[in-house]
Amino acid sequence: MSRLDSAIRRLQAQRACLDHACAAIADRPGPVFELGLGNGRTYDHLRARLGDPDRWPIYVFERKVAAHPDCIPPDERLYLGDFHDTLPRAAADFRGQVVLAHADMGSGDADANARLAGFVSQALAPALAPGGLVLSDQPLAMPHAETLPLPEGVAEGRYHLYRIA
């Protein structure tokens, strides 16, 4: 498979999983965490799908903002800096409240991805509401979570979906 085909499949899987998760929390207002802003595509997609920012405020975590200007969250909803510093603080601030978390944090380094996924699995857990959903491009070891089936058309291992018990 070409790199272009792989990128297209990854984006299609990401969109299908985000749409599935947004539909699943439609009757559950609460904070949403977006771990990794990148160029802002998934943040923008979440804003469009969830709508009301008072019902589903989206908090974004990014080391350094380099997104399209239309896809940058307001300062009060941006945790700027390394996940190792910002995520534990936010997890304490939002203990048990987050209804959806999306982590798009993979790089080309498999070892670094595994280390970061391990950290995020533990650091994110306290913020999550019972029944909350977690989507990730990397497999996570989420305590007290069940792995959910992926939406139709998403290949196993392409994306990961969890529900907190």
Protein backbone atom coordinates (compact mmCIF):
# COMPACT_ATOMS: atom_id res chain seq x y z
CA MET A 1 0.00 0.00 0.00
CA SER A 2 1.34 3.43 -0.88
CA ARG A 3 1.84 6.06 1.80
CA LEU A 4 -0.92 8.10 0.18
CA ASP A 5 -3.36 5.18 0.37
CA SER A 6 -2.36 4.59 3.99
CA ALA A 7 -2.93 8.26 4.87
CA ILE A 8 -6.34 8.22 3.22
CA ARG A 9 -7.37 5.08 5.10
CA ARG A 10 -6.13 6.57 8.37
CA LEU A 11 -8.16 9.75 7.83
CA GLN A 12 -11.26 7.80 6.81
CA ALA A 13 -10.94 5.63 9.93
CA GLN A 14 -10.41 8.70 12.08
CA ARG A 15 -13.52 10.41 10.69
CA ALA A 16 -15.66 7.27 11.09
CA CYS A 17 -14.54 6.85 14.70
CA LEU A 18 -15.06 10.52 15.56
CA ASP A 19 -18.53 10.51 13.99
CA HIS A 20 -19.40 7.29 15.85
CA ALA A 21 -18.21 8.73 19.18
CA CYS A 22 -20.00 12.06 18.72
CA ALA A 23 -23.26 10.22 18.04
CA ALA A 24 -22.69 8.03 21.10
CA ILE A 25 -22.34 11.03 23.45
CA ALA A 26 -25.18 13.05 21.90
CA ASP A 27 -27.21 12.80 25.12
CA ARG A 28 -24.21 13.21 27.46
CA PRO A 29 -22.92 16.76 27.71
CA GLY A 30 -19.52 17.28 29.24
CA PRO A 31 -15.94 18.23 28.55
CA VAL A 32 -14.09 16.78 25.56
CA PHE A 33 -10.30 16.39 25.42
CA GLU A 34 -8.41 16.60 22.13
CA LEU A 35 -4.85 15.38 22.69
CA GLY A 36 -2.79 16.71 19.83
CA LEU A 37 -3.98 19.64 17.74
CA GLY A 38 -1.66 19.26 14.76
CA ASN A 39 -3.12 21.35 11.95
CA GLY A 40 -6.55 21.37 13.63
CA ARG A 41 -8.51 19.03 11.35
CA THR A 42 -9.94 16.75 14.05
CA TYR A 43 -10.54 19.66 16.44
CA ASP A 44 -12.52 21.38 13.68
CA HIS A 45 -14.40 18.16 12.94
CA LEU A 46 -15.31 17.72 16.62
CA ARG A 47 -16.54 21.34 16.80
CA ALA A 48 -18.71 20.79 13.74
CA ARG A 49 -20.14 17.46 14.92
CA LEU A 50 -20.74 18.39 18.55
CA GLY A 51 -22.01 21.91 17.93
CA ASP A 52 -22.77 23.70 21.18
CA PRO A 53 -19.43 24.59 22.84
CA ASP A 54 -21.20 25.20 26.15
CA ARG A 55 -22.64 21.67 26.12
CA TRP A 56 -19.39 20.03 24.93
CA PRO A 57 -16.43 22.32 25.64
CA ILE A 58 -13.37 21.01 23.81
CA TYR A 59 -10.05 21.30 25.64
CA VAL A 60 -7.00 20.92 23.42
CA PHE A 61 -3.52 19.75 24.40
CA GLU A 62 -0.62 20.73 22.17
CA ARG A 63 3.10 21.24 22.62
CA LYS A 64 3.28 24.14 20.16
CA VAL A 65 0.37 25.49 18.12
CA ALA A 66 0.89 25.34 14.36
CA ALA A 67 -2.72 24.85 13.27
CA HIS A 68 -4.71 26.65 10.61
CA PRO A 69 -5.85 29.97 12.17
CA ASP A 70 -9.53 28.94 11.96
CA CYS A 71 -8.77 25.77 13.93
CA ILE A 72 -7.12 27.16 17.04
CA PRO A 73 -9.10 26.88 20.28
CA PRO A 74 -9.61 29.87 22.55
CA ASP A 75 -6.77 30.37 25.04
CA GLU A 76 -8.92 29.30 28.00
CA ARG A 77 -9.43 25.89 26.36
CA LEU A 78 -5.82 25.29 25.32
CA TYR A 79 -3.31 23.39 27.42
CA LEU A 80 -0.02 24.43 25.89
CA GLY A 81 3.08 22.36 26.61
CA ASP A 82 4.20 18.78 26.96
CA PHE A 83 1.52 16.15 27.74
CA HIS A 84 3.62 15.05 30.72
CA ASP A 85 3.04 18.45 32.30
CA THR A 86 -0.41 19.46 31.07
CA LEU A 87 -2.41 16.22 31.11
CA PRO A 88 -2.03 15.36 34.82
CA ARG A 89 -3.03 18.92 35.76
CA ALA A 90 -6.10 18.81 33.51
CA ALA A 91 -7.04 15.32 34.72
CA ALA A 92 -7.11 16.67 38.27
CA ASP A 93 -9.14 19.72 37.20
CA PHE A 94 -11.72 17.59 35.34
CA ARG A 95 -11.71 14.48 37.54
CA GLY A 96 -14.49 12.12 36.42
CA GLN A 97 -16.09 14.58 33.97
CA VAL A 98 -14.66 14.01 30.48
CA VAL A 99 -17.19 12.28 28.20
CA LEU A 100 -14.92 11.97 25.16
CA ALA A 101 -11.17 12.01 24.68
CA HIS A 102 -9.45 11.78 21.31
CA ALA A 103 -5.72 11.11 21.19
CA ASP A 104 -3.95 11.55 17.87
CA MET A 105 -0.37 11.35 19.02
CA GLY A 106 1.47 8.86 16.85
CA SER A 107 4.78 9.58 15.20
CA GLY A 108 7.08 7.47 13.06
CA ASP A 109 8.86 6.15 16.16
CA ALA A 110 7.18 2.99 17.46
CA ASP A 111 9.08 3.00 20.77
CA ALA A 112 8.25 6.64 21.46
CA ASN A 113 4.60 5.98 20.53
CA ALA A 114 4.41 3.08 23.00
CA ARG A 115 5.96 5.14 25.82
CA LEU A 116 3.60 8.07 25.19
CA ALA A 117 0.56 5.78 24.92
CA GLY A 118 1.49 4.21 28.25
CA PHE A 119 1.76 7.60 29.89
CA VAL A 120 -1.49 8.88 28.37
CA SER A 121 -3.35 5.70 29.41
CA GLN A 122 -2.52 6.37 33.06
CA ALA A 123 -2.61 10.17 33.12
CA LEU A 124 -5.91 10.50 31.27
CA ALA A 125 -7.82 7.92 33.32
CA PRO A 126 -8.75 10.15 36.31
CA ALA A 127 -10.42 12.72 34.04
CA LEU A 128 -12.78 10.26 32.36
CA ALA A 129 -16.45 10.01 33.27
CA PRO A 130 -18.03 6.58 33.73
CA GLY A 131 -19.29 5.57 30.30
CA GLY A 132 -16.96 8.07 28.65
CA LEU A 133 -15.30 7.20 25.36
CA VAL A 134 -11.65 7.30 24.36
CA LEU A 135 -10.47 7.21 20.74
CA SER A 136 -6.82 6.81 19.89
CA ASP A 137 -4.56 6.26 16.93
CA GLN A 138 -2.37 4.20 19.31
CA PRO A 139 -3.42 1.22 21.43
CA LEU A 140 -3.92 2.27 25.05
CA ALA A 141 -3.92 0.27 28.27
CA MET A 142 -6.92 2.02 29.78
CA PRO A 143 -7.64 0.97 33.35
CA HIS A 144 -11.30 0.13 33.92
CA ALA A 145 -12.14 0.31 30.21
CA GLU A 146 -13.52 -2.09 27.68
CA THR A 147 -12.35 -2.18 24.10
CA LEU A 148 -15.27 -1.47 21.78
CA PRO A 149 -15.78 -2.70 18.24
CA LEU A 150 -14.80 -0.22 15.59
CA PRO A 151 -17.35 1.33 13.23
CA GLU A 152 -18.08 -0.56 10.05
CA GLY A 153 -15.36 -0.16 7.44
CA VAL A 154 -12.56 0.59 9.94
CA ALA A 155 -9.86 -2.08 9.86
CA GLU A 156 -8.88 -3.65 13.16
CA GLY A 157 -5.80 -1.93 14.57
CA ARG A 158 -6.22 1.18 12.43
CA TYR A 159 -7.85 3.03 15.33
CA HIS A 160 -8.79 2.14 18.91
CA LEU A 161 -12.04 2.77 20.79
CA TYR A 162 -12.63 2.33 24.53
CA ARG A 163 -15.51 2.88 26.98
CA ILE A 164 -14.82 3.60 30.64
CA ALA A 165 -16.62 1.31 33.08
